[in-house]
Amino acid sequence: NAVGILKDADVICEAFDAADSKAMLINTVRS
């Protein structure tokens, strides 16, 4: 669901606690 939620953002801030969630978001946005 990340792309659908984030597609209209100019900048995305990652603010998670868990390392796996951080990695998922970064990798999804970058790819």
PDB file of all heavy atoms in Angstrom:
ATOM      1  N   ASN A   1       0.799  -1.235   0.000  1.00  0.00           N
ATOM      2  CA  ASN A   1       0.000   0.000   0.000  1.00  0.00           C
ATOM      3  C   ASN A   1       0.830   1.283   0.000  1.00  0.00           C
ATOM      4  O   ASN A   1       0.277   2.380  -0.119  1.00  0.00           O
ATOM      5  CB  ASN A   1      -0.972   0.019   1.187  1.00  0.00           C
ATOM      6  CG  ASN A   1      -0.268  -0.006   2.539  1.00  0.00           C
ATOM      7  OD1 ASN A   1       0.924   0.255   2.653  1.00  0.00           O
ATOM      8  ND2 ASN A   1      -1.021  -0.323   3.588  1.00  0.00           N
ATOM      9  N   ALA A   2       2.152   1.168   0.137  1.00  0.00           N
ATOM     10  CA  ALA A   2       2.997   2.354   0.305  1.00  0.00           C
ATOM     11  C   ALA A   2       2.886   3.326  -0.869  1.00  0.00           C
ATOM     12  O   ALA A   2       2.732   4.533  -0.672  1.00  0.00           O
ATOM     13  CB  ALA A   2       4.449   1.942   0.519  1.00  0.00           C
ATOM     14  N   VAL A   3       2.954   2.822  -2.076  1.00  0.00           N
ATOM     15  CA  VAL A   3       2.940   3.703  -3.243  1.00  0.00           C
ATOM     16  C   VAL A   3       1.638   4.486  -3.319  1.00  0.00           C
ATOM     17  O   VAL A   3       1.625   5.697  -3.563  1.00  0.00           O
ATOM     18  CB  VAL A   3       3.184   2.904  -4.537  1.00  0.00           C
ATOM     19  CG1 VAL A   3       2.979   3.787  -5.763  1.00  0.00           C
ATOM     20  CG2 VAL A   3       4.601   2.328  -4.540  1.00  0.00           C
ATOM     21  N   GLY A   4       0.521   3.811  -3.091  1.00  0.00           N
ATOM     22  CA  GLY A   4      -0.768   4.486  -3.134  1.00  0.00           C
ATOM     23  C   GLY A   4      -0.901   5.564  -2.078  1.00  0.00           C
ATOM     24  O   GLY A   4      -1.485   6.627  -2.330  1.00  0.00           O
ATOM     25  N   ILE A   5      -0.348   5.321  -0.905  1.00  0.00           N
ATOM     26  CA  ILE A   5      -0.445   6.285   0.185  1.00  0.00           C
ATOM     27  C   ILE A   5       0.501   7.462  -0.022  1.00  0.00           C
ATOM     28  O   ILE A   5       0.161   8.610   0.301  1.00  0.00           O
ATOM     29  CB  ILE A   5      -0.147   5.593   1.528  1.00  0.00           C
ATOM     30  CG1 ILE A   5      -1.274   4.608   1.881  1.00  0.00           C
ATOM     31  CG2 ILE A   5       0.038   6.607   2.649  1.00  0.00           C
ATOM     32  CD1 ILE A   5      -0.982   3.748   3.103  1.00  0.00           C
ATOM     33  N   LEU A   6       1.678   7.208  -0.580  1.00  0.00           N
ATOM     34  CA  LEU A   6       2.743   8.205  -0.616  1.00  0.00           C
ATOM     35  C   LEU A   6       2.890   8.934  -1.946  1.00  0.00           C
ATOM     36  O   LEU A   6       3.674   9.881  -2.048  1.00  0.00           O
ATOM     37  CB  LEU A   6       4.083   7.535  -0.278  1.00  0.00           C
ATOM     38  CG  LEU A   6       4.155   6.827   1.076  1.00  0.00           C
ATOM     39  CD1 LEU A   6       5.473   6.079   1.200  1.00  0.00           C
ATOM     40  CD2 LEU A   6       3.994   7.829   2.221  1.00  0.00           C
ATOM     41  N   LYS A   7       2.158   8.539  -2.960  1.00  0.00           N
ATOM     42  CA  LYS A   7       2.393   9.039  -4.311  1.00  0.00           C
ATOM     43  C   LYS A   7       2.227  10.553  -4.452  1.00  0.00           C
ATOM     44  O   LYS A   7       2.834  11.172  -5.332  1.00  0.00           O
ATOM     45  CB  LYS A   7       1.495   8.334  -5.316  1.00  0.00           C
ATOM     46  CG  LYS A   7      -0.006   8.484  -5.065  1.00  0.00           C
ATOM     47  CD  LYS A   7      -0.832   7.699  -6.074  1.00  0.00           C
ATOM     48  CE  LYS A   7      -2.318   7.730  -5.772  1.00  0.00           C
ATOM     49  NZ  LYS A   7      -2.887   9.078  -5.732  1.00  0.00           N
ATOM     50  N   ASP A   8       1.428  11.178  -3.596  1.00  0.00           N
ATOM     51  CA  ASP A   8       1.196  12.615  -3.714  1.00  0.00           C
ATOM     52  C   ASP A   8       2.136  13.455  -2.852  1.00  0.00           C
ATOM     53  O   ASP A   8       2.064  14.683  -2.867  1.00  0.00           O
ATOM     54  CB  ASP A   8      -0.252  12.945  -3.337  1.00  0.00           C
ATOM     55  CG  ASP A   8      -1.247  12.376  -4.330  1.00  0.00           C
ATOM     56  OD1 ASP A   8      -0.902  12.255  -5.522  1.00  0.00           O
ATOM     57  OD2 ASP A   8      -2.372  12.033  -3.914  1.00  0.00           O
ATOM     58  N   ALA A   9       3.013  12.804  -2.088  1.00  0.00           N
ATOM     59  CA  ALA A   9       3.909  13.543  -1.199  1.00  0.00           C
ATOM     60  C   ALA A   9       5.110  14.091  -1.962  1.00  0.00           C
ATOM     61  O   ALA A   9       5.666  13.421  -2.837  1.00  0.00           O
ATOM     62  CB  ALA A   9       4.381  12.639  -0.069  1.00  0.00           C
ATOM     63  N   ASP A  10       5.528  15.294  -1.606  1.00  0.00           N
ATOM     64  CA  ASP A  10       6.764  15.854  -2.143  1.00  0.00           C
ATOM     65  C   ASP A  10       7.971  15.305  -1.385  1.00  0.00           C
ATOM     66  O   ASP A  10       9.029  15.069  -1.966  1.00  0.00           O
ATOM     67  CB  ASP A  10       6.743  17.383  -2.031  1.00  0.00           C
ATOM     68  CG  ASP A  10       5.598  18.001  -2.806  1.00  0.00           C
ATOM     69  OD1 ASP A  10       5.533  17.772  -4.030  1.00  0.00           O
ATOM     70  OD2 ASP A  10       4.758  18.686  -2.200  1.00  0.00           O
ATOM     71  N   VAL A  11       7.812  15.133  -0.077  1.00  0.00           N
ATOM     72  CA  VAL A  11       8.867  14.597   0.786  1.00  0.00           C
ATOM     73  C   VAL A  11       8.239  13.567   1.705  1.00  0.00           C
ATOM     74  O   VAL A  11       7.111  13.757   2.197  1.00  0.00           O
ATOM     75  CB  VAL A  11       9.544  15.703   1.622  1.00  0.00           C
ATOM     76  CG1 VAL A  11      10.700  15.124   2.438  1.00  0.00           C
ATOM     77  CG2 VAL A  11      10.035  16.845   0.749  1.00  0.00           C
ATOM     78  N   ILE A  12       8.969  12.479   1.973  1.00  0.00           N
ATOM     79  CA  ILE A  12       8.495  11.407   2.839  1.00  0.00           C
ATOM     80  C   ILE A  12       9.430  11.306   4.040  1.00  0.00           C
ATOM     81  O   ILE A  12      10.658  11.220   3.877  1.00  0.00           O
ATOM     82  CB  ILE A  12       8.475  10.065   2.073  1.00  0.00           C
ATOM     83  CG1 ILE A  12       7.498  10.147   0.888  1.00  0.00           C
ATOM     84  CG2 ILE A  12       8.112   8.908   3.003  1.00  0.00           C
ATOM     85  CD1 ILE A  12       7.746   9.118  -0.181  1.00  0.00           C
ATOM     86  N   CYS A  13       8.859  11.308   5.244  1.00  0.00           N
ATOM     87  CA  CYS A  13       9.630  11.165   6.474  1.00  0.00           C
ATOM     88  C   CYS A  13       9.418   9.775   7.048  1.00  0.00           C
ATOM     89  O   CYS A  13       8.279   9.379   7.320  1.00  0.00           O
ATOM     90  CB  CYS A  13       9.202  12.201   7.509  1.00  0.00           C
ATOM     91  SG  CYS A  13       9.643  13.878   7.100  1.00  0.00           S
ATOM     92  N   GLU A  14      10.489   9.048   7.238  1.00  0.00           N
ATOM     93  CA  GLU A  14      10.446   7.749   7.907  1.00  0.00           C
ATOM     94  C   GLU A  14      10.611   7.985   9.397  1.00  0.00           C
ATOM     95  O   GLU A  14      11.592   8.606   9.818  1.00  0.00           O
ATOM     96  CB  GLU A  14      11.557   6.851   7.367  1.00  0.00           C
ATOM     97  CG  GLU A  14      11.650   5.489   8.034  1.00  0.00           C
ATOM     98  CD  GLU A  14      12.430   5.515   9.337  1.00  0.00           C
ATOM     99  OE1 GLU A  14      13.546   6.076   9.361  1.00  0.00           O
ATOM    100  OE2 GLU A  14      11.904   4.979  10.338  1.00  0.00           O
ATOM    101  N   ALA A  15       9.671   7.501  10.205  1.00  0.00           N
ATOM    102  CA  ALA A  15       9.730   7.725  11.647  1.00  0.00           C
ATOM    103  C   ALA A  15       9.282   6.477  12.406  1.00  0.00           C
ATOM    104  O   ALA A  15       8.495   6.552  13.354  1.00  0.00           O
ATOM    105  CB  ALA A  15       8.864   8.925  12.021  1.00  0.00           C
ATOM    106  N   PHE A  16       9.782   5.328  11.976  1.00  0.00           N
ATOM    107  CA  PHE A  16       9.434   4.054  12.604  1.00  0.00           C
ATOM    108  C   PHE A  16      10.430   3.686  13.694  1.00  0.00           C
ATOM    109  O   PHE A  16      11.559   4.182  13.726  1.00  0.00           O
ATOM    110  CB  PHE A  16       9.420   2.930  11.561  1.00  0.00           C
ATOM    111  CG  PHE A  16       8.342   3.073  10.505  1.00  0.00           C
ATOM    112  CD1 PHE A  16       8.621   2.823   9.178  1.00  0.00           C
ATOM    113  CD2 PHE A  16       7.060   3.442  10.854  1.00  0.00           C
ATOM    114  CE1 PHE A  16       7.643   2.946   8.206  1.00  0.00           C
ATOM    115  CE2 PHE A  16       6.068   3.570   9.893  1.00  0.00           C
ATOM    116  CZ  PHE A  16       6.367   3.314   8.565  1.00  0.00           C
ATOM    117  N   ASP A  17      10.027   2.755  14.564  1.00  0.00           N
ATOM    118  CA  ASP A  17      10.927   2.207  15.583  1.00  0.00           C
ATOM    119  C   ASP A  17      11.672   0.984  15.067  1.00  0.00           C
ATOM    120  O   ASP A  17      12.860   0.812  15.337  1.00  0.00           O
ATOM    121  CB  ASP A  17      10.136   1.811  16.832  1.00  0.00           C
ATOM    122  CG  ASP A  17       9.546   3.010  17.559  1.00  0.00           C
ATOM    123  OD1 ASP A  17      10.158   4.090  17.507  1.00  0.00           O
ATOM    124  OD2 ASP A  17       8.468   2.854  18.163  1.00  0.00           O
ATOM    125  N   ALA A  18      10.964   0.121  14.353  1.00  0.00           N
ATOM    126  CA  ALA A  18      11.526  -1.169  13.955  1.00  0.00           C
ATOM    127  C   ALA A  18      12.421  -1.051  12.718  1.00  0.00           C
ATOM    128  O   ALA A  18      12.045  -0.405  11.731  1.00  0.00           O
ATOM    129  CB  ALA A  18      10.401  -2.161  13.682  1.00  0.00           C
ATOM    130  N   ALA A  19      13.571  -1.708  12.780  1.00  0.00           N
ATOM    131  CA  ALA A  19      14.532  -1.640  11.680  1.00  0.00           C
ATOM    132  C   ALA A  19      13.970  -2.223  10.391  1.00  0.00           C
ATOM    133  O   ALA A  19      14.241  -1.701   9.296  1.00  0.00           O
ATOM    134  CB  ALA A  19      15.814  -2.370  12.077  1.00  0.00           C
ATOM    135  N   ASP A  20      13.173  -3.303  10.505  1.00  0.00           N
ATOM    136  CA  ASP A  20      12.640  -3.902   9.287  1.00  0.00           C
ATOM    137  C   ASP A  20      11.623  -2.984   8.606  1.00  0.00           C
ATOM    138  O   ASP A  20      11.552  -2.938   7.368  1.00  0.00           O
ATOM    139  CB  ASP A  20      12.031  -5.276   9.575  1.00  0.00           C
ATOM    140  CG  ASP A  20      10.934  -5.248  10.625  1.00  0.00           C
ATOM    141  OD1 ASP A  20      10.806  -4.232  11.349  1.00  0.00           O
ATOM    142  OD2 ASP A  20      10.192  -6.247  10.733  1.00  0.00           O
ATOM    143  N   SER A  21      10.858  -2.243   9.395  1.00  0.00           N
ATOM    144  CA  SER A  21       9.909  -1.291   8.815  1.00  0.00           C
ATOM    145  C   SER A  21      10.638  -0.129   8.142  1.00  0.00           C
ATOM    146  O   SER A  21      10.231   0.341   7.070  1.00  0.00           O
ATOM    147  CB  SER A  21       8.968  -0.753   9.898  1.00  0.00           C
ATOM    148  OG  SER A  21       8.186  -1.787  10.447  1.00  0.00           O
ATOM    149  N   LYS A  22      11.708   0.328   8.776  1.00  0.00           N
ATOM    150  CA  LYS A  22      12.529   1.384   8.177  1.00  0.00           C
ATOM    151  C   LYS A  22      13.073   0.930   6.830  1.00  0.00           C
ATOM    152  O   LYS A  22      12.971   1.647   5.823  1.00  0.00           O
ATOM    153  CB  LYS A  22      13.704   1.727   9.101  1.00  0.00           C
ATOM    154  CG  LYS A  22      13.347   2.451  10.378  1.00  0.00           C
ATOM    155  CD  LYS A  22      14.587   2.625  11.250  1.00  0.00           C
ATOM    156  CE  LYS A  22      14.296   3.371  12.524  1.00  0.00           C
ATOM    157  NZ  LYS A  22      14.092   4.812  12.300  1.00  0.00           N
ATOM    158  N   ALA A  23      13.652  -0.260   6.800  1.00  0.00           N
ATOM    159  CA  ALA A  23      14.247  -0.780   5.569  1.00  0.00           C
ATOM    160  C   ALA A  23      13.194  -0.968   4.484  1.00  0.00           C
ATOM    161  O   ALA A  23      13.439  -0.643   3.313  1.00  0.00           O
ATOM    162  CB  ALA A  23      14.956  -2.104   5.855  1.00  0.00           C
ATOM    163  N   MET A  24      12.016  -1.475   4.874  1.00  0.00           N
ATOM    164  CA  MET A  24      10.947  -1.665   3.894  1.00  0.00           C
ATOM    165  C   MET A  24      10.563  -0.352   3.237  1.00  0.00           C
ATOM    166  O   MET A  24      10.453  -0.255   2.008  1.00  0.00           O
ATOM    167  CB  MET A  24       9.730  -2.281   4.586  1.00  0.00           C
ATOM    168  CG  MET A  24       8.496  -2.473   3.698  1.00  0.00           C
ATOM    169  SD  MET A  24       7.498  -0.971   3.401  1.00  0.00           S
ATOM    170  CE  MET A  24       6.990  -0.569   5.079  1.00  0.00           C
ATOM    171  N   LEU A  25      10.365   0.682   4.061  1.00  0.00           N
ATOM    172  CA  LEU A  25       9.917   1.966   3.515  1.00  0.00           C
ATOM    173  C   LEU A  25      10.984   2.579   2.611  1.00  0.00           C
ATOM    174  O   LEU A  25      10.685   3.039   1.497  1.00  0.00           O
ATOM    175  CB  LEU A  25       9.578   2.929   4.647  1.00  0.00           C
ATOM    176  CG  LEU A  25       9.002   4.264   4.187  1.00  0.00           C
ATOM    177  CD1 LEU A  25       7.643   4.073   3.537  1.00  0.00           C
ATOM    178  CD2 LEU A  25       8.897   5.242   5.349  1.00  0.00           C
ATOM    179  N   ILE A  26      12.206   2.580   3.084  1.00  0.00           N
ATOM    180  CA  ILE A  26      13.297   3.168   2.287  1.00  0.00           C
ATOM    181  C   ILE A  26      13.440   2.432   0.961  1.00  0.00           C
ATOM    182  O   ILE A  26      13.520   3.053  -0.111  1.00  0.00           O
ATOM    183  CB  ILE A  26      14.613   3.142   3.078  1.00  0.00           C
ATOM    184  CG1 ILE A  26      14.526   4.086   4.285  1.00  0.00           C
ATOM    185  CG2 ILE A  26      15.790   3.542   2.179  1.00  0.00           C
ATOM    186  CD1 ILE A  26      15.632   3.886   5.299  1.00  0.00           C
ATOM    187  N   ASN A  27      13.462   1.111   1.010  1.00  0.00           N
ATOM    188  CA  ASN A  27      13.634   0.329  -0.216  1.00  0.00           C
ATOM    189  C   ASN A  27      12.462   0.515  -1.177  1.00  0.00           C
ATOM    190  O   ASN A  27      12.658   0.604  -2.400  1.00  0.00           O
ATOM    191  CB  ASN A  27      13.791  -1.156   0.135  1.00  0.00           C
ATOM    192  CG  ASN A  27      15.099  -1.443   0.847  1.00  0.00           C
ATOM    193  OD1 ASN A  27      16.065  -0.695   0.717  1.00  0.00           O
ATOM    194  ND2 ASN A  27      15.144  -2.530   1.607  1.00  0.00           N
ATOM    195  N   THR A  28      11.254   0.579  -0.631  1.00  0.00           N
ATOM    196  CA  THR A  28      10.073   0.756  -1.484  1.00  0.00           C
ATOM    197  C   THR A  28      10.091   2.121  -2.160  1.00  0.00           C
ATOM    198  O   THR A  28       9.830   2.236  -3.365  1.00  0.00           O
ATOM    199  CB  THR A  28       8.786   0.597  -0.652  1.00  0.00           C
ATOM    200  OG1 THR A  28       8.747  -0.719  -0.076  1.00  0.00           O
ATOM    201  CG2 THR A  28       7.552   0.793  -1.524  1.00  0.00           C
ATOM    202  N   VAL A  29      10.384   3.156  -1.395  1.00  0.00           N
ATOM    203  CA  VAL A  29      10.419   4.500  -1.977  1.00  0.00           C
ATOM    204  C   VAL A  29      11.531   4.618  -3.010  1.00  0.00           C
ATOM    205  O   VAL A  29      11.324   5.142  -4.111  1.00  0.00           O
ATOM    206  CB  VAL A  29      10.588   5.564  -0.873  1.00  0.00           C
ATOM    207  CG1 VAL A  29      10.841   6.946  -1.484  1.00  0.00           C
ATOM    208  CG2 VAL A  29       9.345   5.600   0.020  1.00  0.00           C
ATOM    209  N   ARG A  30      12.706   4.102  -2.673  1.00  0.00           N
ATOM    210  CA  ARG A  30      13.848   4.249  -3.588  1.00  0.00           C
ATOM    211  C   ARG A  30      13.630   3.471  -4.883  1.00  0.00           C
ATOM    212  O   ARG A  30      14.081   3.887  -5.954  1.00  0.00           O
ATOM    213  CB  ARG A  30      15.141   3.776  -2.912  1.00  0.00           C
ATOM    214  CG  ARG A  30      15.515   4.545  -1.661  1.00  0.00           C
ATOM    215  CD  ARG A  30      15.719   6.027  -1.922  1.00  0.00           C
ATOM    216  NE  ARG A  30      16.925   6.282  -2.671  1.00  0.00           N
ATOM    217  CZ  ARG A  30      17.138   7.351  -3.425  1.00  0.00           C
ATOM    218  NH1 ARG A  30      16.189   8.265  -3.553  1.00  0.00           N
ATOM    219  NH2 ARG A  30      18.270   7.521  -4.063  1.00  0.00           N
ATOM    220  N   SER A  31      12.916   2.345  -4.807  1.00  0.00           N
ATOM    221  CA  SER A  31      12.729   1.525  -6.004  1.00  0.00           C
ATOM    222  C   SER A  31      11.479   1.898  -6.798  1.00  0.00           C
ATOM    223  O   SER A  31      11.485   1.862  -8.033  1.00  0.00           O
ATOM    224  CB  SER A  31      12.668   0.044  -5.619  1.00  0.00           C
ATOM    225  OG  SER A  31      11.555  -0.220  -4.777  1.00  0.00           O
TER     226      SER A  31
END
